[in-house]
PDB file of all heavy atoms in Angstrom:
ATOM      1  N   GLU A   1      34.739   0.598   2.384  1.00  0.00           N
ATOM      2  CA  GLU A   1      33.728   1.276   3.235  1.00  0.00           C
ATOM      3  C   GLU A   1      32.376   1.368   2.544  1.00  0.00           C
ATOM      4  O   GLU A   1      31.281   1.060   3.082  1.00  0.00           O
ATOM      5  CB  GLU A   1      34.171   2.651   3.607  1.00  0.00           C
ATOM      6  CG  GLU A   1      35.315   2.726   4.617  1.00  0.00           C
ATOM      7  CD  GLU A   1      35.519   4.145   5.060  1.00  0.00           C
ATOM      8  OE1 GLU A   1      34.638   4.792   5.601  1.00  0.00           O
ATOM      9  OE2 GLU A   1      36.641   4.637   4.898  1.00  0.00           O
ATOM     10  N   MET A   2      32.413   1.758   1.245  1.00  0.00           N
ATOM     11  CA  MET A   2      31.173   1.855   0.441  1.00  0.00           C
ATOM     12  C   MET A   2      30.561   0.440   0.308  1.00  0.00           C
ATOM     13  O   MET A   2      29.314   0.301   0.336  1.00  0.00           O
ATOM     14  CB  MET A   2      31.429   2.502  -0.864  1.00  0.00           C
ATOM     15  CG  MET A   2      30.181   2.667  -1.730  1.00  0.00           C
ATOM     16  SD  MET A   2      28.936   3.772  -0.971  1.00  0.00           S
ATOM     17  CE  MET A   2      29.745   5.443  -1.307  1.00  0.00           C
ATOM     18  N   ARG A   3      31.326  -0.525   0.101  1.00  0.00           N
ATOM     19  CA  ARG A   3      30.835  -1.902  -0.049  1.00  0.00           C
ATOM     20  C   ARG A   3      30.199  -2.362   1.176  1.00  0.00           C
ATOM     21  O   ARG A   3      29.113  -2.970   1.104  1.00  0.00           O
ATOM     22  CB  ARG A   3      31.985  -2.869  -0.478  1.00  0.00           C
ATOM     23  CG  ARG A   3      31.558  -4.332  -0.590  1.00  0.00           C
ATOM     24  CD  ARG A   3      32.745  -5.182  -1.008  1.00  0.00           C
ATOM     25  NE  ARG A   3      32.336  -6.547  -1.118  1.00  0.00           N
ATOM     26  CZ  ARG A   3      33.105  -7.583  -1.510  1.00  0.00           C
ATOM     27  NH1 ARG A   3      34.423  -7.303  -1.803  1.00  0.00           N
ATOM     28  NH2 ARG A   3      32.705  -8.799  -1.574  1.00  0.00           N
ATOM     29  N   ASN A   4      30.807  -2.023   2.290  1.00  0.00           N
ATOM     30  CA  ASN A   4      30.182  -2.439   3.635  1.00  0.00           C
ATOM     31  C   ASN A   4      28.893  -1.731   3.846  1.00  0.00           C
ATOM     32  O   ASN A   4      27.935  -2.327   4.451  1.00  0.00           O
ATOM     33  CB  ASN A   4      31.136  -2.047   4.762  1.00  0.00           C
ATOM     34  CG  ASN A   4      32.388  -2.895   4.733  1.00  0.00           C
ATOM     35  OD1 ASN A   4      32.426  -3.949   4.156  1.00  0.00           O
ATOM     36  ND2 ASN A   4      33.474  -2.413   5.342  1.00  0.00           N
ATOM     37  N   TYR A   5      28.749  -0.429   3.339  1.00  0.00           N
ATOM     38  CA  TYR A   5      27.430   0.228   3.494  1.00  0.00           C
ATOM     39  C   TYR A   5      26.361  -0.484   2.655  1.00  0.00           C
ATOM     40  O   TYR A   5      25.275  -0.685   3.101  1.00  0.00           O
ATOM     41  CB  TYR A   5      27.611   1.688   2.978  1.00  0.00           C
ATOM     42  CG  TYR A   5      26.271   2.366   2.847  1.00  0.00           C
ATOM     43  CD1 TYR A   5      25.593   2.860   3.976  1.00  0.00           C
ATOM     44  CD2 TYR A   5      25.692   2.538   1.578  1.00  0.00           C
ATOM     45  CE1 TYR A   5      24.371   3.452   3.848  1.00  0.00           C
ATOM     46  CE2 TYR A   5      24.460   3.132   1.456  1.00  0.00           C
ATOM     47  CZ  TYR A   5      23.808   3.615   2.552  1.00  0.00           C
ATOM     48  OH  TYR A   5      22.594   4.177   2.403  1.00  0.00           O
ATOM     49  N   TYR A   6      26.731  -0.777   1.402  1.00  0.00           N
ATOM     50  CA  TYR A   6      25.671  -1.516   0.552  1.00  0.00           C
ATOM     51  C   TYR A   6      25.318  -2.901   1.057  1.00  0.00           C
ATOM     52  O   TYR A   6      24.175  -3.322   0.949  1.00  0.00           O
ATOM     53  CB  TYR A   6      26.251  -1.604  -0.886  1.00  0.00           C
ATOM     54  CG  TYR A   6      26.004  -0.336  -1.695  1.00  0.00           C
ATOM     55  CD1 TYR A   6      27.074   0.400  -2.143  1.00  0.00           C
ATOM     56  CD2 TYR A   6      24.744   0.173  -1.981  1.00  0.00           C
ATOM     57  CE1 TYR A   6      26.910   1.625  -2.897  1.00  0.00           C
ATOM     58  CE2 TYR A   6      24.532   1.307  -2.674  1.00  0.00           C
ATOM     59  CZ  TYR A   6      25.647   1.990  -3.126  1.00  0.00           C
ATOM     60  OH  TYR A   6      25.453   3.191  -3.836  1.00  0.00           O
ATOM     61  N   GLU A   7      26.289  -3.590   1.653  1.00  0.00           N
ATOM     62  CA  GLU A   7      26.071  -4.888   2.217  1.00  0.00           C
ATOM     63  C   GLU A   7      25.355  -4.816   3.613  1.00  0.00           C
ATOM     64  O   GLU A   7      24.796  -5.834   4.044  1.00  0.00           O
ATOM     65  CB  GLU A   7      27.329  -5.704   2.289  1.00  0.00           C
ATOM     66  CG  GLU A   7      27.898  -6.037   0.910  1.00  0.00           C
ATOM     67  CD  GLU A   7      29.234  -6.839   1.084  1.00  0.00           C
ATOM     68  OE1 GLU A   7      29.728  -6.868   2.182  1.00  0.00           O
ATOM     69  OE2 GLU A   7      29.688  -7.409   0.049  1.00  0.00           O
ATOM     70  N   GLY A   8      25.466  -3.629   4.180  1.00  0.00           N
ATOM     71  CA  GLY A   8      24.908  -3.472   5.546  1.00  0.00           C
ATOM     72  C   GLY A   8      23.598  -2.784   5.611  1.00  0.00           C
ATOM     73  O   GLY A   8      22.564  -3.341   5.321  1.00  0.00           O
ATOM     74  N   PRO A   9      23.545  -1.445   5.944  1.00  0.00           N
ATOM     75  CA  PRO A   9      22.372  -0.711   6.098  1.00  0.00           C
ATOM     76  C   PRO A   9      21.451  -0.765   4.863  1.00  0.00           C
ATOM     77  O   PRO A   9      20.269  -0.841   4.887  1.00  0.00           O
ATOM     78  CB  PRO A   9      22.802   0.687   6.388  1.00  0.00           C
ATOM     79  CG  PRO A   9      24.178   0.572   7.000  1.00  0.00           C
ATOM     80  CD  PRO A   9      24.759  -0.635   6.249  1.00  0.00           C
ATOM     81  N   TYR A  10      22.096  -0.599   3.661  1.00  0.00           N
ATOM     82  CA  TYR A  10      21.243  -0.550   2.406  1.00  0.00           C
ATOM     83  C   TYR A  10      20.560  -1.903   2.131  1.00  0.00           C
ATOM     84  O   TYR A  10      19.369  -1.889   1.867  1.00  0.00           O
ATOM     85  CB  TYR A  10      22.177  -0.165   1.246  1.00  0.00           C
ATOM     86  CG  TYR A  10      21.358  -0.024  -0.075  1.00  0.00           C
ATOM     87  CD1 TYR A  10      20.701   1.140  -0.367  1.00  0.00           C
ATOM     88  CD2 TYR A  10      21.356  -1.054  -1.005  1.00  0.00           C
ATOM     89  CE1 TYR A  10      19.982   1.225  -1.548  1.00  0.00           C
ATOM     90  CE2 TYR A  10      20.716  -0.948  -2.145  1.00  0.00           C
ATOM     91  CZ  TYR A  10      19.975   0.207  -2.434  1.00  0.00           C
ATOM     92  OH  TYR A  10      19.276   0.400  -3.582  1.00  0.00           O
ATOM     93  N   SER A  11      21.361  -2.991   2.232  1.00  0.00           N
ATOM     94  CA  SER A  11      20.739  -4.249   1.990  1.00  0.00           C
ATOM     95  C   SER A  11      19.676  -4.636   3.050  1.00  0.00           C
ATOM     96  O   SER A  11      18.622  -5.290   2.684  1.00  0.00           O
ATOM     97  CB  SER A  11      21.839  -5.384   2.065  1.00  0.00           C
ATOM     98  OG  SER A  11      22.781  -5.179   1.016  1.00  0.00           O
ATOM     99  N   ALA A  12      19.838  -4.209   4.259  1.00  0.00           N
ATOM    100  CA  ALA A  12      18.909  -4.478   5.306  1.00  0.00           C
ATOM    101  C   ALA A  12      17.544  -3.755   5.013  1.00  0.00           C
ATOM    102  O   ALA A  12      16.493  -4.251   5.519  1.00  0.00           O
ATOM    103  CB  ALA A  12      19.458  -4.013   6.680  1.00  0.00           C
ATOM    104  N   SER A  13      17.542  -2.701   4.259  1.00  0.00           N
ATOM    105  CA  SER A  13      16.291  -2.001   4.038  1.00  0.00           C
ATOM    106  C   SER A  13      15.497  -2.501   2.828  1.00  0.00           C
ATOM    107  O   SER A  13      14.345  -2.179   2.615  1.00  0.00           O
ATOM    108  CB  SER A  13      16.630  -0.483   3.807  1.00  0.00           C
ATOM    109  OG  SER A  13      17.342  -0.301   2.572  1.00  0.00           O
ATOM    110  N   ILE A  14      16.076  -3.393   2.004  1.00  0.00           N
ATOM    111  CA  ILE A  14      15.492  -3.876   0.794  1.00  0.00           C
ATOM    112  C   ILE A  14      14.164  -4.680   1.063  1.00  0.00           C
ATOM    113  O   ILE A  14      13.152  -4.416   0.401  1.00  0.00           O
ATOM    114  CB  ILE A  14      16.464  -4.705  -0.045  1.00  0.00           C
ATOM    115  CG1 ILE A  14      17.524  -3.747  -0.603  1.00  0.00           C
ATOM    116  CG2 ILE A  14      15.740  -5.386  -1.174  1.00  0.00           C
ATOM    117  CD1 ILE A  14      18.644  -4.457  -1.420  1.00  0.00           C
ATOM    118  N   PRO A  15      14.165  -5.644   1.991  1.00  0.00           N
ATOM    119  CA  PRO A  15      12.846  -6.341   2.253  1.00  0.00           C
ATOM    120  C   PRO A  15      11.720  -5.411   2.677  1.00  0.00           C
ATOM    121  O   PRO A  15      10.615  -5.590   2.263  1.00  0.00           O
ATOM    122  CB  PRO A  15      13.231  -7.273   3.384  1.00  0.00           C
ATOM    123  CG  PRO A  15      14.738  -7.474   3.240  1.00  0.00           C
ATOM    124  CD  PRO A  15      15.280  -6.167   2.778  1.00  0.00           C
ATOM    125  N   ALA A  16      12.097  -4.427   3.547  1.00  0.00           N
ATOM    126  CA  ALA A  16      11.063  -3.469   4.037  1.00  0.00           C
ATOM    127  C   ALA A  16      10.558  -2.688   2.815  1.00  0.00           C
ATOM    128  O   ALA A  16       9.389  -2.425   2.725  1.00  0.00           O
ATOM    129  CB  ALA A  16      11.596  -2.614   5.117  1.00  0.00           C
ATOM    130  N   LEU A  17      11.448  -2.239   1.990  1.00  0.00           N
ATOM    131  CA  LEU A  17      11.035  -1.469   0.775  1.00  0.00           C
ATOM    132  C   LEU A  17      10.114  -2.285  -0.097  1.00  0.00           C
ATOM    133  O   LEU A  17       9.159  -1.727  -0.701  1.00  0.00           O
ATOM    134  CB  LEU A  17      12.225  -0.935   0.039  1.00  0.00           C
ATOM    135  CG  LEU A  17      13.051   0.111   0.701  1.00  0.00           C
ATOM    136  CD1 LEU A  17      14.308   0.469  -0.122  1.00  0.00           C
ATOM    137  CD2 LEU A  17      12.208   1.428   0.880  1.00  0.00           C
ATOM    138  N   ALA A  18      10.394  -3.582  -0.260  1.00  0.00           N
ATOM    139  CA  ALA A  18       9.547  -4.408  -1.108  1.00  0.00           C
ATOM    140  C   ALA A  18       8.144  -4.547  -0.494  1.00  0.00           C
ATOM    141  O   ALA A  18       7.112  -4.530  -1.217  1.00  0.00           O
ATOM    142  CB  ALA A  18      10.203  -5.854  -1.216  1.00  0.00           C
ATOM    143  N   ILE A  19       8.052  -4.646   0.844  1.00  0.00           N
ATOM    144  CA  ILE A  19       6.752  -4.729   1.494  1.00  0.00           C
ATOM    145  C   ILE A  19       6.017  -3.389   1.311  1.00  0.00           C
ATOM    146  O   ILE A  19       4.765  -3.429   1.016  1.00  0.00           O
ATOM    147  CB  ILE A  19       6.914  -5.028   2.955  1.00  0.00           C
ATOM    148  CG1 ILE A  19       7.486  -6.451   3.170  1.00  0.00           C
ATOM    149  CG2 ILE A  19       5.604  -4.944   3.713  1.00  0.00           C
ATOM    150  CD1 ILE A  19       7.852  -6.737   4.632  1.00  0.00           C
ATOM    151  N   ILE A  20       6.677  -2.299   1.469  1.00  0.00           N
ATOM    152  CA  ILE A  20       5.981  -0.991   1.307  1.00  0.00           C
ATOM    153  C   ILE A  20       5.502  -0.914  -0.156  1.00  0.00           C
ATOM    154  O   ILE A  20       4.349  -0.470  -0.389  1.00  0.00           O
ATOM    155  CB  ILE A  20       6.993   0.139   1.605  1.00  0.00           C
ATOM    156  CG1 ILE A  20       7.363   0.070   3.048  1.00  0.00           C
ATOM    157  CG2 ILE A  20       6.389   1.478   1.225  1.00  0.00           C
ATOM    158  CD1 ILE A  20       8.522   1.064   3.348  1.00  0.00           C
ATOM    159  N   PHE A  21       6.304  -1.227  -1.129  1.00  0.00           N
ATOM    160  CA  PHE A  21       5.861  -1.196  -2.509  1.00  0.00           C
ATOM    161  C   PHE A  21       4.604  -2.066  -2.839  1.00  0.00           C
ATOM    162  O   PHE A  21       3.710  -1.639  -3.481  1.00  0.00           O
ATOM    163  CB  PHE A  21       7.000  -1.687  -3.443  1.00  0.00           C
ATOM    164  CG  PHE A  21       6.757  -1.564  -4.892  1.00  0.00           C
ATOM    165  CD1 PHE A  21       6.874  -0.363  -5.481  1.00  0.00           C
ATOM    166  CD2 PHE A  21       6.383  -2.619  -5.635  1.00  0.00           C
ATOM    167  CE1 PHE A  21       6.632  -0.156  -6.886  1.00  0.00           C
ATOM    168  CE2 PHE A  21       6.049  -2.515  -7.003  1.00  0.00           C
ATOM    169  CZ  PHE A  21       6.257  -1.291  -7.574  1.00  0.00           C
ATOM    170  N   ALA A  22       4.569  -3.227  -2.189  1.00  0.00           N
ATOM    171  CA  ALA A  22       3.412  -4.090  -2.311  1.00  0.00           C
ATOM    172  C   ALA A  22       2.150  -3.512  -1.674  1.00  0.00           C
ATOM    173  O   ALA A  22       1.066  -3.550  -2.227  1.00  0.00           O
ATOM    174  CB  ALA A  22       3.695  -5.502  -1.814  1.00  0.00           C
ATOM    175  N   VAL A  23       2.385  -2.939  -0.471  1.00  0.00           N
ATOM    176  CA  VAL A  23       1.253  -2.352   0.307  1.00  0.00           C
ATOM    177  C   VAL A  23       0.607  -1.222  -0.464  1.00  0.00           C
ATOM    178  O   VAL A  23      -0.616  -1.023  -0.544  1.00  0.00           O
ATOM    179  CB  VAL A  23       1.645  -1.996   1.714  1.00  0.00           C
ATOM    180  CG1 VAL A  23       0.615  -1.163   2.403  1.00  0.00           C
ATOM    181  CG2 VAL A  23       1.958  -3.212   2.521  1.00  0.00           C
ATOM    182  N   VAL A  24       1.497  -0.366  -0.993  1.00  0.00           N
ATOM    183  CA  VAL A  24       1.018   0.888  -1.672  1.00  0.00           C
ATOM    184  C   VAL A  24       0.128   0.515  -2.882  1.00  0.00           C
ATOM    185  O   VAL A  24      -0.894   1.178  -3.181  1.00  0.00           O
ATOM    186  CB  VAL A  24       2.238   1.717  -2.112  1.00  0.00           C
ATOM    187  CG1 VAL A  24       1.797   2.812  -3.152  1.00  0.00           C
ATOM    188  CG2 VAL A  24       2.848   2.389  -0.917  1.00  0.00           C
ATOM    189  N   ARG A  25       0.415  -0.580  -3.538  1.00  0.00           N
ATOM    190  CA  ARG A  25      -0.358  -0.929  -4.659  1.00  0.00           C
ATOM    191  C   ARG A  25      -1.451  -2.025  -4.425  1.00  0.00           C
ATOM    192  O   ARG A  25      -1.994  -2.576  -5.342  1.00  0.00           O
ATOM    193  CB  ARG A  25       0.626  -1.473  -5.772  1.00  0.00           C
ATOM    194  CG  ARG A  25       1.560  -0.394  -6.300  1.00  0.00           C
ATOM    195  CD  ARG A  25       2.609  -1.013  -7.265  1.00  0.00           C
ATOM    196  NE  ARG A  25       3.482   0.050  -7.761  1.00  0.00           N
ATOM    197  CZ  ARG A  25       3.275   0.663  -8.922  1.00  0.00           C
ATOM    198  NH1 ARG A  25       2.188   0.391  -9.663  1.00  0.00           N
ATOM    199  NH2 ARG A  25       4.083   1.622  -9.259  1.00  0.00           N
ATOM    200  N   ALA A  26      -1.629  -2.307  -3.131  1.00  0.00           N
ATOM    201  CA  ALA A  26      -2.547  -3.356  -2.789  1.00  0.00           C
ATOM    202  C   ALA A  26      -3.948  -2.874  -2.425  1.00  0.00           C
ATOM    203  O   ALA A  26      -4.760  -3.612  -1.869  1.00  0.00           O
ATOM    204  CB  ALA A  26      -2.027  -4.213  -1.642  1.00  0.00           C
ATOM    205  N   ASN A  27      -4.282  -1.624  -2.677  1.00  0.00           N
ATOM    206  CA  ASN A  27      -5.623  -1.136  -2.171  1.00  0.00           C
ATOM    207  C   ASN A  27      -6.749  -1.845  -2.978  1.00  0.00           C
ATOM    208  O   ASN A  27      -7.900  -1.829  -2.481  1.00  0.00           O
ATOM    209  CB  ASN A  27      -5.682   0.393  -2.411  1.00  0.00           C
ATOM    210  CG  ASN A  27      -5.301   0.837  -3.735  1.00  0.00           C
ATOM    211  OD1 ASN A  27      -4.933   0.127  -4.616  1.00  0.00           O
ATOM    212  ND2 ASN A  27      -5.370   2.215  -3.949  1.00  0.00           N
ATOM    213  N   LEU A  28      -6.545  -2.372  -4.125  1.00  0.00           N
ATOM    214  CA  LEU A  28      -7.534  -3.176  -4.900  1.00  0.00           C
ATOM    215  C   LEU A  28      -7.996  -4.347  -4.087  1.00  0.00           C
ATOM    216  O   LEU A  28      -9.076  -4.814  -4.282  1.00  0.00           O
ATOM    217  CB  LEU A  28      -7.051  -3.485  -6.273  1.00  0.00           C
ATOM    218  CG  LEU A  28      -7.019  -2.308  -7.273  1.00  0.00           C
ATOM    219  CD1 LEU A  28      -6.610  -2.885  -8.661  1.00  0.00           C
ATOM    220  CD2 LEU A  28      -8.315  -1.610  -7.449  1.00  0.00           C
ATOM    221  N   LEU A  29      -7.116  -4.808  -3.243  1.00  0.00           N
ATOM    222  CA  LEU A  29      -7.471  -5.991  -2.412  1.00  0.00           C
ATOM    223  C   LEU A  29      -8.681  -5.710  -1.435  1.00  0.00           C
ATOM    224  O   LEU A  29      -9.354  -6.568  -1.034  1.00  0.00           O
ATOM    225  CB  LEU A  29      -6.282  -6.545  -1.555  1.00  0.00           C
ATOM    226  CG  LEU A  29      -5.081  -7.012  -2.385  1.00  0.00           C
ATOM    227  CD1 LEU A  29      -3.944  -7.432  -1.422  1.00  0.00           C
ATOM    228  CD2 LEU A  29      -5.532  -8.183  -3.308  1.00  0.00           C
ATOM    229  N   LEU A  30      -8.821  -4.397  -1.150  1.00  0.00           N
ATOM    230  CA  LEU A  30      -9.959  -3.909  -0.347  1.00  0.00           C
ATOM    231  C   LEU A  30     -11.108  -3.458  -1.204  1.00  0.00           C
ATOM    232  O   LEU A  30     -12.278  -3.663  -0.896  1.00  0.00           O
ATOM    233  CB  LEU A  30      -9.512  -2.859   0.637  1.00  0.00           C
ATOM    234  CG  LEU A  30      -8.547  -3.289   1.697  1.00  0.00           C
ATOM    235  CD1 LEU A  30      -8.096  -2.079   2.528  1.00  0.00           C
ATOM    236  CD2 LEU A  30      -9.064  -4.373   2.607  1.00  0.00           C
ATOM    237  N   ILE A  31     -10.742  -2.735  -2.281  1.00  0.00           N
ATOM    238  CA  ILE A  31     -11.812  -2.143  -3.135  1.00  0.00           C
ATOM    239  C   ILE A  31     -12.626  -3.191  -3.827  1.00  0.00           C
ATOM    240  O   ILE A  31     -13.897  -3.106  -3.851  1.00  0.00           O
ATOM    241  CB  ILE A  31     -11.076  -1.179  -4.176  1.00  0.00           C
ATOM    242  CG1 ILE A  31     -10.474   0.014  -3.448  1.00  0.00           C
ATOM    243  CG2 ILE A  31     -12.191  -0.701  -5.167  1.00  0.00           C
ATOM    244  CD1 ILE A  31      -9.707   0.865  -4.452  1.00  0.00           C
ATOM    245  N   VAL A  32     -12.025  -4.222  -4.387  1.00  0.00           N
ATOM    246  CA  VAL A  32     -12.744  -5.193  -5.150  1.00  0.00           C
ATOM    247  C   VAL A  32     -13.722  -6.030  -4.269  1.00  0.00           C
ATOM    248  O   VAL A  32     -14.933  -6.033  -4.615  1.00  0.00           O
ATOM    249  CB  VAL A  32     -11.740  -6.138  -5.939  1.00  0.00           C
ATOM    250  CG1 VAL A  32     -12.540  -7.265  -6.560  1.00  0.00           C
ATOM    251  CG2 VAL A  32     -11.004  -5.405  -6.940  1.00  0.00           C
ATOM    252  N   PRO A  33     -13.314  -6.590  -3.211  1.00  0.00           N
ATOM    253  CA  PRO A  33     -14.284  -7.424  -2.393  1.00  0.00           C
ATOM    254  C   PRO A  33     -15.389  -6.503  -1.768  1.00  0.00           C
ATOM    255  O   PRO A  33     -16.543  -6.931  -1.753  1.00  0.00           O
ATOM    256  CB  PRO A  33     -13.396  -8.036  -1.296  1.00  0.00           C
ATOM    257  CG  PRO A  33     -12.201  -7.362  -1.282  1.00  0.00           C
ATOM    258  CD  PRO A  33     -11.931  -6.775  -2.667  1.00  0.00           C
ATOM    259  N   LEU A  34     -14.961  -5.389  -1.281  1.00  0.00           N
ATOM    260  CA  LEU A  34     -16.004  -4.463  -0.652  1.00  0.00           C
ATOM    261  C   LEU A  34     -16.926  -3.949  -1.740  1.00  0.00           C
ATOM    262  O   LEU A  34     -18.175  -3.857  -1.522  1.00  0.00           O
ATOM    263  CB  LEU A  34     -15.271  -3.329   0.014  1.00  0.00           C
ATOM    264  CG  LEU A  34     -14.613  -3.646   1.334  1.00  0.00           C
ATOM    265  CD1 LEU A  34     -13.886  -2.405   1.880  1.00  0.00           C
ATOM    266  CD2 LEU A  34     -15.508  -4.227   2.372  1.00  0.00           C
ATOM    267  N   GLY A  35     -16.403  -3.679  -2.902  1.00  0.00           N
ATOM    268  CA  GLY A  35     -17.292  -3.213  -4.047  1.00  0.00           C
ATOM    269  C   GLY A  35     -18.330  -4.254  -4.440  1.00  0.00           C
ATOM    270  O   GLY A  35     -19.480  -3.914  -4.658  1.00  0.00           O
ATOM    271  N   ILE A  36     -17.804  -5.527  -4.545  1.00  0.00           N
ATOM    272  CA  ILE A  36     -18.714  -6.600  -4.897  1.00  0.00           C
ATOM    273  C   ILE A  36     -19.798  -6.761  -3.740  1.00  0.00           C
ATOM    274  O   ILE A  36     -21.031  -6.945  -4.038  1.00  0.00           O
ATOM    275  CB  ILE A  36     -17.951  -7.876  -5.054  1.00  0.00           C
ATOM    276  CG1 ILE A  36     -17.121  -7.770  -6.288  1.00  0.00           C
ATOM    277  CG2 ILE A  36     -18.901  -9.096  -5.220  1.00  0.00           C
ATOM    278  CD1 ILE A  36     -16.125  -8.902  -6.488  1.00  0.00           C
ATOM    279  N   LEU A  37     -19.292  -6.700  -2.524  1.00  0.00           N
ATOM    280  CA  LEU A  37     -20.292  -6.785  -1.376  1.00  0.00           C
ATOM    281  C   LEU A  37     -21.364  -5.684  -1.423  1.00  0.00           C
ATOM    282  O   LEU A  37     -22.588  -6.025  -1.304  1.00  0.00           O
ATOM    283  CB  LEU A  37     -19.544  -6.770  -0.099  1.00  0.00           C
ATOM    284  CG  LEU A  37     -20.332  -6.858   1.221  1.00  0.00           C
ATOM    285  CD1 LEU A  37     -20.983  -8.289   1.263  1.00  0.00           C
ATOM    286  CD2 LEU A  37     -19.482  -6.690   2.508  1.00  0.00           C
ATOM    287  N   PHE A  38     -20.947  -4.454  -1.624  1.00  0.00           N
ATOM    288  CA  PHE A  38     -21.903  -3.384  -1.666  1.00  0.00           C
ATOM    289  C   PHE A  38     -22.841  -3.452  -2.857  1.00  0.00           C
ATOM    290  O   PHE A  38     -24.007  -3.161  -2.812  1.00  0.00           O
ATOM    291  CB  PHE A  38     -21.125  -2.054  -1.709  1.00  0.00           C
ATOM    292  CG  PHE A  38     -20.375  -1.736  -0.475  1.00  0.00           C
ATOM    293  CD1 PHE A  38     -19.210  -0.956  -0.494  1.00  0.00           C
ATOM    294  CD2 PHE A  38     -20.749  -2.276   0.792  1.00  0.00           C
ATOM    295  CE1 PHE A  38     -18.475  -0.766   0.652  1.00  0.00           C
ATOM    296  CE2 PHE A  38     -20.071  -2.090   1.880  1.00  0.00           C
ATOM    297  CZ  PHE A  38     -18.845  -1.298   1.835  1.00  0.00           C
TER     298      PHE A  38
END
């Protein structure tokens, strides 16, 4: 049962968590170009 959980709901959430992690640290993608523009 525990194996099924890790292979099911838990594994399904990993790609979304990776996207969230990248988005949270991606604010420099806006700060740098806008800062140069200003």
